[in-house]
N, C-alpha and C. Protein backbone atom coordinates (compact mmCIF):
# COMPACT_ATOMS: atom_id res chain seq x y z
N MET A 1 94.76 60.86 94.83
CA MET A 1 94.04 61.88 94.47
C MET A 1 94.31 62.00 92.89
N SER A 2 93.34 62.10 92.13
CA SER A 2 93.46 62.22 90.62
C SER A 2 94.35 63.41 90.35
N LYS A 3 95.02 63.36 89.21
CA LYS A 3 95.63 64.68 88.86
C LYS A 3 94.74 65.93 88.62
N LEU A 4 93.62 65.66 87.98
CA LEU A 4 92.70 66.82 87.76
C LEU A 4 92.25 67.39 89.13
N LYS A 5 91.79 66.41 90.01
CA LYS A 5 91.39 66.94 91.31
C LYS A 5 92.31 67.84 92.15
N ASN A 6 93.65 67.07 92.01
CA ASN A 6 94.84 67.77 92.73
C ASN A 6 94.98 69.26 92.32
N TYR A 7 95.09 69.39 90.90
CA TYR A 7 95.33 70.68 90.23
C TYR A 7 94.04 71.59 90.56
N ALA A 8 92.97 71.19 90.41
CA ALA A 8 91.80 71.83 90.70
C ALA A 8 91.67 72.43 92.17
N LEU A 9 92.03 71.54 93.14
CA LEU A 9 92.03 72.10 94.42
C LEU A 9 93.18 73.03 94.66
N SER A 10 94.32 72.66 94.28
CA SER A 10 95.44 73.63 94.35
C SER A 10 95.26 74.99 93.80
N ILE A 11 94.50 75.18 92.66
CA ILE A 11 94.23 76.31 92.09
C ILE A 11 93.03 76.95 92.83
N ILE A 12 92.13 76.36 92.98
CA ILE A 12 90.75 76.84 93.79
C ILE A 12 91.08 77.51 95.26
N ILE A 13 92.04 76.86 96.01
CA ILE A 13 92.13 77.37 97.19
C ILE A 13 92.78 78.81 97.19
N PRO A 14 93.91 79.25 96.63
CA PRO A 14 94.30 80.52 96.50
C PRO A 14 93.30 81.41 95.86
N LEU A 15 92.75 80.99 94.82
CA LEU A 15 91.74 81.75 94.05
C LEU A 15 90.62 82.20 94.95
N ALA A 16 89.89 81.21 95.61
CA ALA A 16 88.93 81.50 96.47
C ALA A 16 89.34 82.31 97.62
N LEU A 17 90.42 82.03 98.28
CA LEU A 17 90.84 82.83 99.39
C LEU A 17 91.05 84.26 98.95
N GLY A 18 91.72 84.56 97.91
CA GLY A 18 91.90 85.86 97.35
C GLY A 18 90.65 86.42 97.01
N GLY A 19 89.69 85.85 96.49
CA GLY A 19 88.38 86.42 96.14
C GLY A 19 87.68 86.91 97.39
N ILE A 20 87.73 86.00 98.53
CA ILE A 20 87.19 86.28 99.86
C ILE A 20 87.66 87.51 100.32
N VAL A 21 89.04 87.64 100.40
CA VAL A 21 89.66 88.86 100.78
C VAL A 21 89.26 90.06 99.90
N GLY A 22 89.25 89.95 98.55
CA GLY A 22 88.90 91.01 97.75
C GLY A 22 87.31 91.62 98.02
N PHE A 23 86.57 90.46 98.34
CA PHE A 23 85.23 90.93 98.64
C PHE A 23 85.17 91.79 99.96
N LEU A 24 85.88 91.25 101.04
CA LEU A 24 85.98 91.78 102.24
C LEU A 24 86.50 93.19 102.21
N ILE A 25 87.37 93.52 101.45
CA ILE A 25 87.98 94.81 101.47
C ILE A 25 87.44 95.70 100.37
N SER A 26 86.68 95.32 99.63
CA SER A 26 86.07 96.02 98.44
C SER A 26 85.41 97.37 98.83
N GLY A 27 84.81 97.48 100.09
CA GLY A 27 84.16 98.63 100.55
C GLY A 27 85.34 99.62 101.00
N SER A 28 86.58 99.19 101.19
CA SER A 28 87.67 100.06 101.67
C SER A 28 88.52 100.39 100.52
N MET A 29 88.33 99.91 99.40
CA MET A 29 89.42 100.05 98.21
C MET A 29 89.29 101.74 97.80
N ASN A 30 90.21 102.44 98.16
CA ASN A 30 90.33 103.85 97.89
C ASN A 30 91.66 104.04 97.15
N TYR A 31 92.26 103.16 96.32
CA TYR A 31 93.39 103.25 95.65
C TYR A 31 93.29 104.35 94.73
N ASP A 32 92.18 104.76 93.96
CA ASP A 32 92.28 105.72 93.01
C ASP A 32 92.18 107.14 93.60
N THR A 33 91.92 107.23 95.00
CA THR A 33 91.82 108.56 95.55
C THR A 33 92.99 108.90 96.25
N LEU A 34 94.00 107.92 96.29
CA LEU A 34 95.28 108.21 96.97
C LEU A 34 96.36 108.95 95.90
N ASN A 35 97.26 109.63 96.51
CA ASN A 35 98.25 110.17 95.67
C ASN A 35 99.22 108.81 95.43
N GLN A 36 99.55 108.70 94.22
CA GLN A 36 100.26 107.35 93.60
C GLN A 36 101.61 107.93 93.14
N PRO A 37 102.55 106.83 93.42
CA PRO A 37 103.96 107.20 92.82
C PRO A 37 103.93 106.98 91.27
N PRO A 38 105.04 107.42 90.65
CA PRO A 38 105.12 107.12 89.33
C PRO A 38 105.12 105.64 88.92
N LEU A 39 104.58 105.34 87.84
CA LEU A 39 104.35 103.89 87.32
C LEU A 39 103.13 103.13 87.99
N SER A 40 102.39 103.79 88.59
CA SER A 40 101.25 103.27 89.26
C SER A 40 100.16 102.80 88.22
N PRO A 41 99.76 101.52 88.14
CA PRO A 41 99.02 101.01 87.18
C PRO A 41 97.39 101.46 87.43
N PRO A 42 96.65 101.32 86.60
CA PRO A 42 95.15 101.67 86.77
C PRO A 42 94.54 100.45 87.80
N SER A 43 93.67 100.87 88.70
CA SER A 43 93.22 99.79 89.61
C SER A 43 92.61 98.72 89.03
N ILE A 44 92.02 98.79 87.79
CA ILE A 44 91.47 97.61 87.15
C ILE A 44 92.35 96.56 86.86
N LEU A 45 93.74 96.77 86.79
CA LEU A 45 94.78 95.78 86.68
C LEU A 45 94.93 94.97 87.65
N PHE A 46 94.48 95.32 88.95
CA PHE A 46 95.08 94.52 90.23
C PHE A 46 94.35 93.26 90.30
N PRO A 47 93.04 93.14 90.07
CA PRO A 47 92.34 92.06 90.08
C PRO A 47 92.56 90.82 89.09
N ILE A 48 93.03 91.52 87.86
CA ILE A 48 93.34 90.67 87.00
C ILE A 48 94.76 90.08 87.19
N VAL A 49 95.71 90.76 87.65
CA VAL A 49 97.10 90.27 87.87
C VAL A 49 96.97 89.26 89.05
N TRP A 50 96.25 89.55 90.04
CA TRP A 50 96.07 88.70 91.26
C TRP A 50 95.49 87.43 90.85
N THR A 51 94.40 87.45 90.07
CA THR A 51 93.88 86.24 89.58
C THR A 51 94.96 85.38 88.89
N ILE A 52 95.70 85.93 88.04
CA ILE A 52 96.74 85.09 87.35
C ILE A 52 97.70 84.47 88.45
N LEU A 53 98.20 85.34 89.25
CA LEU A 53 99.21 85.03 90.24
C LEU A 53 98.85 83.85 91.11
N TYR A 54 97.44 84.19 91.62
CA TYR A 54 96.90 82.97 92.49
C TYR A 54 96.79 81.72 91.69
N ALA A 55 96.37 81.83 90.46
CA ALA A 55 96.29 80.55 89.57
C ALA A 55 97.80 79.84 89.44
N LEU A 56 98.81 80.66 89.16
CA LEU A 56 100.16 80.20 89.02
C LEU A 56 100.58 79.63 90.30
N MET A 57 100.30 80.26 91.48
CA MET A 57 100.52 79.68 92.73
C MET A 57 100.01 78.40 92.92
N GLY A 58 98.73 78.25 92.62
CA GLY A 58 98.05 76.94 92.84
C GLY A 58 98.71 75.79 91.95
N ILE A 59 99.15 76.22 90.59
CA ILE A 59 99.61 75.49 89.80
C ILE A 59 100.99 74.87 90.32
N SER A 60 101.72 75.68 90.74
CA SER A 60 103.05 75.45 91.40
C SER A 60 102.99 74.52 92.45
N PHE A 61 101.96 74.77 93.40
CA PHE A 61 101.75 73.92 94.47
C PHE A 61 101.26 72.36 93.91
N GLY A 62 100.27 72.52 93.02
CA GLY A 62 99.77 71.30 92.27
C GLY A 62 100.91 70.54 91.77
N ILE A 63 101.82 71.04 91.16
CA ILE A 63 102.95 70.33 90.54
C ILE A 63 103.70 69.58 91.77
N LEU A 64 103.98 70.40 92.76
CA LEU A 64 104.71 69.59 93.81
C LEU A 64 103.96 68.50 94.44
N ARG A 65 102.69 68.70 94.71
CA ARG A 65 101.85 67.81 95.31
C ARG A 65 101.71 66.47 94.28
N ASP A 66 101.53 66.77 93.03
CA ASP A 66 101.31 65.72 92.07
C ASP A 66 102.64 64.76 92.00
N LYS A 67 103.72 65.42 92.17
CA LYS A 67 105.01 64.54 92.12
C LYS A 67 105.39 63.94 93.54
N GLY A 68 104.55 64.25 94.53
CA GLY A 68 104.91 63.81 96.00
C GLY A 68 105.88 64.63 96.42
N LEU A 69 106.15 65.93 96.14
CA LEU A 69 107.30 66.77 96.76
C LEU A 69 106.78 67.78 97.58
N ALA A 70 105.56 67.82 98.01
CA ALA A 70 104.84 68.72 98.95
C ALA A 70 105.11 68.37 100.34
N ASP A 71 106.44 68.34 100.78
CA ASP A 71 106.66 67.80 102.18
C ASP A 71 106.47 69.14 102.98
N PRO A 72 106.73 68.61 104.46
CA PRO A 72 106.30 69.89 105.38
C PRO A 72 106.95 71.13 105.21
N ASP A 73 108.21 71.13 104.59
CA ASP A 73 108.78 72.48 104.31
C ASP A 73 108.07 73.24 103.30
N VAL A 74 107.62 72.52 102.25
CA VAL A 74 107.05 73.10 101.05
C VAL A 74 105.52 73.75 101.56
N LYS A 75 104.90 72.90 102.49
CA LYS A 75 103.43 73.32 102.88
C LYS A 75 103.55 74.39 103.75
N LEU A 76 104.63 74.44 104.79
CA LEU A 76 104.82 75.50 105.60
C LEU A 76 105.10 76.83 104.91
N ILE A 77 106.14 76.97 104.00
CA ILE A 77 106.44 78.21 103.35
C ILE A 77 105.31 78.63 102.44
N TYR A 78 104.72 77.70 101.72
CA TYR A 78 103.45 77.98 100.74
C TYR A 78 102.30 78.65 101.56
N TYR A 79 101.89 78.01 102.62
CA TYR A 79 100.89 78.53 103.41
C TYR A 79 101.08 79.86 104.26
N ALA A 80 102.34 79.97 104.60
CA ALA A 80 102.84 81.07 105.31
C ALA A 80 102.79 82.21 104.40
N GLN A 81 103.36 82.06 103.21
CA GLN A 81 103.35 83.19 102.28
C GLN A 81 101.82 83.61 101.93
N LEU A 82 101.17 82.60 101.68
CA LEU A 82 99.66 82.88 101.41
C LEU A 82 98.91 83.54 102.50
N ILE A 83 99.09 83.32 103.76
CA ILE A 83 98.39 84.13 104.86
C ILE A 83 98.99 85.29 104.82
N VAL A 84 100.19 85.57 104.86
CA VAL A 84 100.82 86.96 104.69
C VAL A 84 100.23 87.73 103.76
N ASN A 85 100.28 87.08 102.55
CA ASN A 85 99.56 87.68 101.27
C ASN A 85 98.13 88.38 101.62
N LEU A 86 97.32 87.27 102.18
CA LEU A 86 95.95 87.77 102.28
C LEU A 86 95.83 88.77 103.38
N LEU A 87 96.64 88.96 104.25
CA LEU A 87 96.46 89.89 105.37
C LEU A 87 96.89 91.23 104.85
N TRP A 88 97.78 91.26 103.99
CA TRP A 88 98.23 92.72 103.56
C TRP A 88 97.21 93.53 103.07
N PRO A 89 96.33 93.24 102.23
CA PRO A 89 95.13 94.26 101.89
C PRO A 89 94.58 94.82 103.01
N ILE A 90 94.25 93.78 103.89
CA ILE A 90 93.32 94.22 105.09
C ILE A 90 94.29 95.51 105.75
N ALA A 91 95.56 95.21 106.07
CA ALA A 91 96.23 96.24 106.62
C ALA A 91 96.35 97.60 105.75
N PHE A 92 96.51 97.38 104.48
CA PHE A 92 96.79 98.59 103.61
C PHE A 92 95.47 99.41 103.46
N PHE A 93 94.37 98.56 103.12
CA PHE A 93 93.10 99.17 102.63
C PHE A 93 92.10 99.32 103.72
N VAL A 94 91.71 98.39 104.63
CA VAL A 94 90.75 98.52 105.66
C VAL A 94 91.36 99.37 106.70
N LEU A 95 92.63 98.71 107.32
CA LEU A 95 93.03 99.61 108.36
C LEU A 95 93.65 100.86 108.14
N GLU A 96 94.16 101.04 106.88
CA GLU A 96 94.89 102.20 106.42
C GLU A 96 96.24 102.31 107.15
N TRP A 97 96.92 101.28 107.48
CA TRP A 97 98.07 101.23 108.14
C TRP A 97 99.30 100.98 106.97
N ARG A 98 99.43 102.24 106.32
CA ARG A 98 100.39 102.19 105.21
C ARG A 98 101.66 101.80 105.70
N LEU A 99 102.41 102.36 106.66
CA LEU A 99 103.74 101.99 106.95
C LEU A 99 103.82 100.59 107.41
N PHE A 100 102.81 100.10 108.36
CA PHE A 100 102.73 98.69 108.78
C PHE A 100 102.63 97.79 107.71
N ALA A 101 101.85 98.21 106.70
CA ALA A 101 101.59 97.40 105.47
C ALA A 101 102.87 97.29 104.76
N PHE A 102 103.55 98.39 104.39
CA PHE A 102 104.89 98.23 103.99
C PHE A 102 105.86 97.20 104.59
N ILE A 103 105.93 97.28 105.77
CA ILE A 103 106.81 96.29 106.51
C ILE A 103 106.27 94.99 106.37
N TRP A 104 104.99 94.94 106.34
CA TRP A 104 104.24 93.56 106.18
C TRP A 104 104.61 92.97 104.66
N ILE A 105 104.61 93.84 103.78
CA ILE A 105 104.91 93.40 102.33
C ILE A 105 106.27 92.99 102.20
N LEU A 106 107.19 93.66 102.99
CA LEU A 106 108.75 93.34 102.94
C LEU A 106 108.85 91.72 103.43
N ILE A 107 108.08 91.46 104.49
CA ILE A 107 108.04 90.12 104.94
C ILE A 107 107.60 89.19 103.68
N LEU A 108 106.44 89.42 103.19
CA LEU A 108 105.95 88.74 102.08
C LEU A 108 106.99 88.75 100.93
N ASP A 109 107.70 89.76 100.65
CA ASP A 109 108.79 89.59 99.75
C ASP A 109 109.88 88.54 100.15
N ALA A 110 110.22 88.63 101.26
CA ALA A 110 111.16 87.46 101.64
C ALA A 110 110.48 86.16 101.67
N LEU A 111 109.28 85.91 102.04
CA LEU A 111 108.67 84.66 102.10
C LEU A 111 108.53 84.05 100.74
N VAL A 112 108.06 84.87 99.68
CA VAL A 112 108.05 84.51 98.42
C VAL A 112 109.37 84.01 97.69
N ALA A 113 110.43 84.96 98.11
CA ALA A 113 111.72 84.47 97.61
C ALA A 113 112.14 83.04 98.30
N ILE A 114 111.83 82.83 99.47
CA ILE A 114 112.15 81.68 100.15
C ILE A 114 111.34 80.39 99.57
N MET A 115 110.15 80.80 99.18
CA MET A 115 109.26 79.76 98.66
C MET A 115 109.87 79.37 97.26
N ILE A 116 110.14 80.37 96.47
CA ILE A 116 110.79 79.97 95.18
C ILE A 116 112.12 79.14 95.32
N ILE A 117 112.85 79.54 96.42
CA ILE A 117 114.20 78.62 96.48
C ILE A 117 113.67 77.26 97.07
N THR A 118 112.75 77.15 97.96
CA THR A 118 112.18 75.94 98.45
C THR A 118 111.61 74.93 97.39
N PHE A 119 110.80 75.61 96.56
CA PHE A 119 110.39 75.02 95.34
C PHE A 119 111.38 74.45 94.39
N TYR A 120 112.43 75.35 94.08
CA TYR A 120 113.41 75.17 93.17
C TYR A 120 114.28 73.86 93.48
N ARG A 121 114.40 73.56 94.76
CA ARG A 121 115.04 72.41 95.28
C ARG A 121 114.46 71.13 94.97
N ARG A 122 112.98 71.36 94.69
CA ARG A 122 112.25 70.24 94.37
C ARG A 122 111.83 70.03 93.08
N ASP A 123 111.39 71.20 92.28
CA ASP A 123 111.14 71.17 90.88
C ASP A 123 111.15 72.56 90.31
N LYS A 124 112.02 72.68 89.20
CA LYS A 124 112.35 73.97 88.72
C LYS A 124 111.19 74.62 88.13
N THR A 125 110.22 73.88 87.49
CA THR A 125 109.18 74.31 86.89
C THR A 125 108.28 75.10 87.83
N ALA A 126 107.83 74.40 88.99
CA ALA A 126 107.24 74.95 90.15
C ALA A 126 107.81 76.30 90.69
N ALA A 127 109.01 76.34 90.71
CA ALA A 127 109.60 77.59 91.26
C ALA A 127 109.54 78.80 90.20
N LEU A 128 109.80 78.38 88.95
CA LEU A 128 110.02 79.46 87.86
C LEU A 128 108.59 80.02 87.60
N LEU A 129 107.44 79.42 87.86
CA LEU A 129 106.24 79.82 87.68
C LEU A 129 105.71 80.94 88.81
N GLN A 130 106.67 80.96 89.84
CA GLN A 130 106.49 81.92 90.81
C GLN A 130 107.19 83.25 90.74
N LEU A 131 108.05 83.25 89.72
CA LEU A 131 108.80 84.65 89.46
C LEU A 131 107.94 85.70 89.12
N PRO A 132 106.93 85.50 88.31
CA PRO A 132 106.20 86.63 88.19
C PRO A 132 105.45 87.20 89.50
N TYR A 133 105.30 86.18 90.25
CA TYR A 133 104.61 86.72 91.68
C TYR A 133 105.64 87.37 92.41
N LEU A 134 106.86 87.08 92.37
CA LEU A 134 107.90 87.75 93.23
C LEU A 134 108.13 89.09 92.58
N ILE A 135 108.15 89.35 91.29
CA ILE A 135 108.25 90.76 90.48
C ILE A 135 107.10 91.44 90.88
N TRP A 136 105.77 90.96 90.94
CA TRP A 136 104.79 91.86 91.31
C TRP A 136 104.58 92.17 92.73
N VAL A 137 105.15 91.30 93.55
CA VAL A 137 105.09 91.72 94.99
C VAL A 137 106.30 92.69 95.23
N LEU A 138 107.18 92.69 94.52
CA LEU A 138 108.34 93.69 94.71
C LEU A 138 107.85 95.07 94.24
N PHE A 139 107.21 95.03 93.24
CA PHE A 139 106.49 96.15 92.55
C PHE A 139 105.61 96.69 93.49
N ALA A 140 104.69 95.97 93.99
CA ALA A 140 103.56 96.29 95.01
C ALA A 140 104.27 96.91 96.17
N SER A 141 105.43 96.37 96.62
CA SER A 141 106.31 97.14 97.73
C SER A 141 106.68 98.50 97.47
N TYR A 142 107.14 98.64 96.30
CA TYR A 142 107.41 100.02 95.62
C TYR A 142 105.98 101.00 95.74
N LEU A 143 104.95 100.50 95.40
CA LEU A 143 103.82 101.39 95.29
C LEU A 143 103.36 101.51 96.79
N ASN A 144 103.43 100.55 97.56
CA ASN A 144 103.09 100.62 99.05
C ASN A 144 103.89 101.70 99.65
N LEU A 145 105.25 101.72 99.46
CA LEU A 145 105.97 102.76 100.07
C LEU A 145 105.74 104.16 99.43
N GLY A 146 105.53 104.11 98.28
CA GLY A 146 105.22 105.45 97.47
C GLY A 146 103.92 105.92 97.98
N VAL A 147 102.88 105.21 98.15
CA VAL A 147 101.55 105.69 98.74
C VAL A 147 101.56 106.11 100.12
N TYR A 148 102.52 105.35 100.90
CA TYR A 148 102.62 105.82 102.17
C TYR A 148 103.46 107.27 102.39
N ILE A 149 104.40 107.34 101.41
CA ILE A 149 105.23 108.76 101.47
C ILE A 149 104.33 109.82 101.09
N LEU A 150 103.70 109.55 99.92
CA LEU A 150 102.74 110.57 99.26
C LEU A 150 101.40 111.08 100.01
N ASN A 151 101.10 110.16 100.95
CA ASN A 151 99.74 110.44 101.69
C ASN A 151 99.98 110.39 103.06
N ARG A 152 100.96 110.95 103.57
CA ARG A 152 101.10 111.09 104.93
C ARG A 152 100.47 112.26 105.54
């Protein structure tokens, strides 16, 4: 596979899946109507940040694929965290299972950390590109818990 095709595919997959989930939950997005914890960003920031994070996710995976380092362990953790990531907004927004969503995002926190470690063992750049993702998901965990507590 050509380098360009590899990176394009690696970036398009998480962006497209994230876009599909965003479309599916768009009718249930009630973030602005919820009581929010301190430091809550405006809702317009979320699609911008997620677009960047999904692109970085794809670039990291593309790096590993390009170098022949996307072994079964890499693929397993990458796709596992992506699936957990994509299911979280359904639990939080559509189903409004805020406590379940908090527990789910803690699983995502752990999976992203494991993904970074797994990537780091193969390519430092691929791993370091995921640090913003980990920081954002940890921040989202705080927001999720805050929304749960403030809206019970």
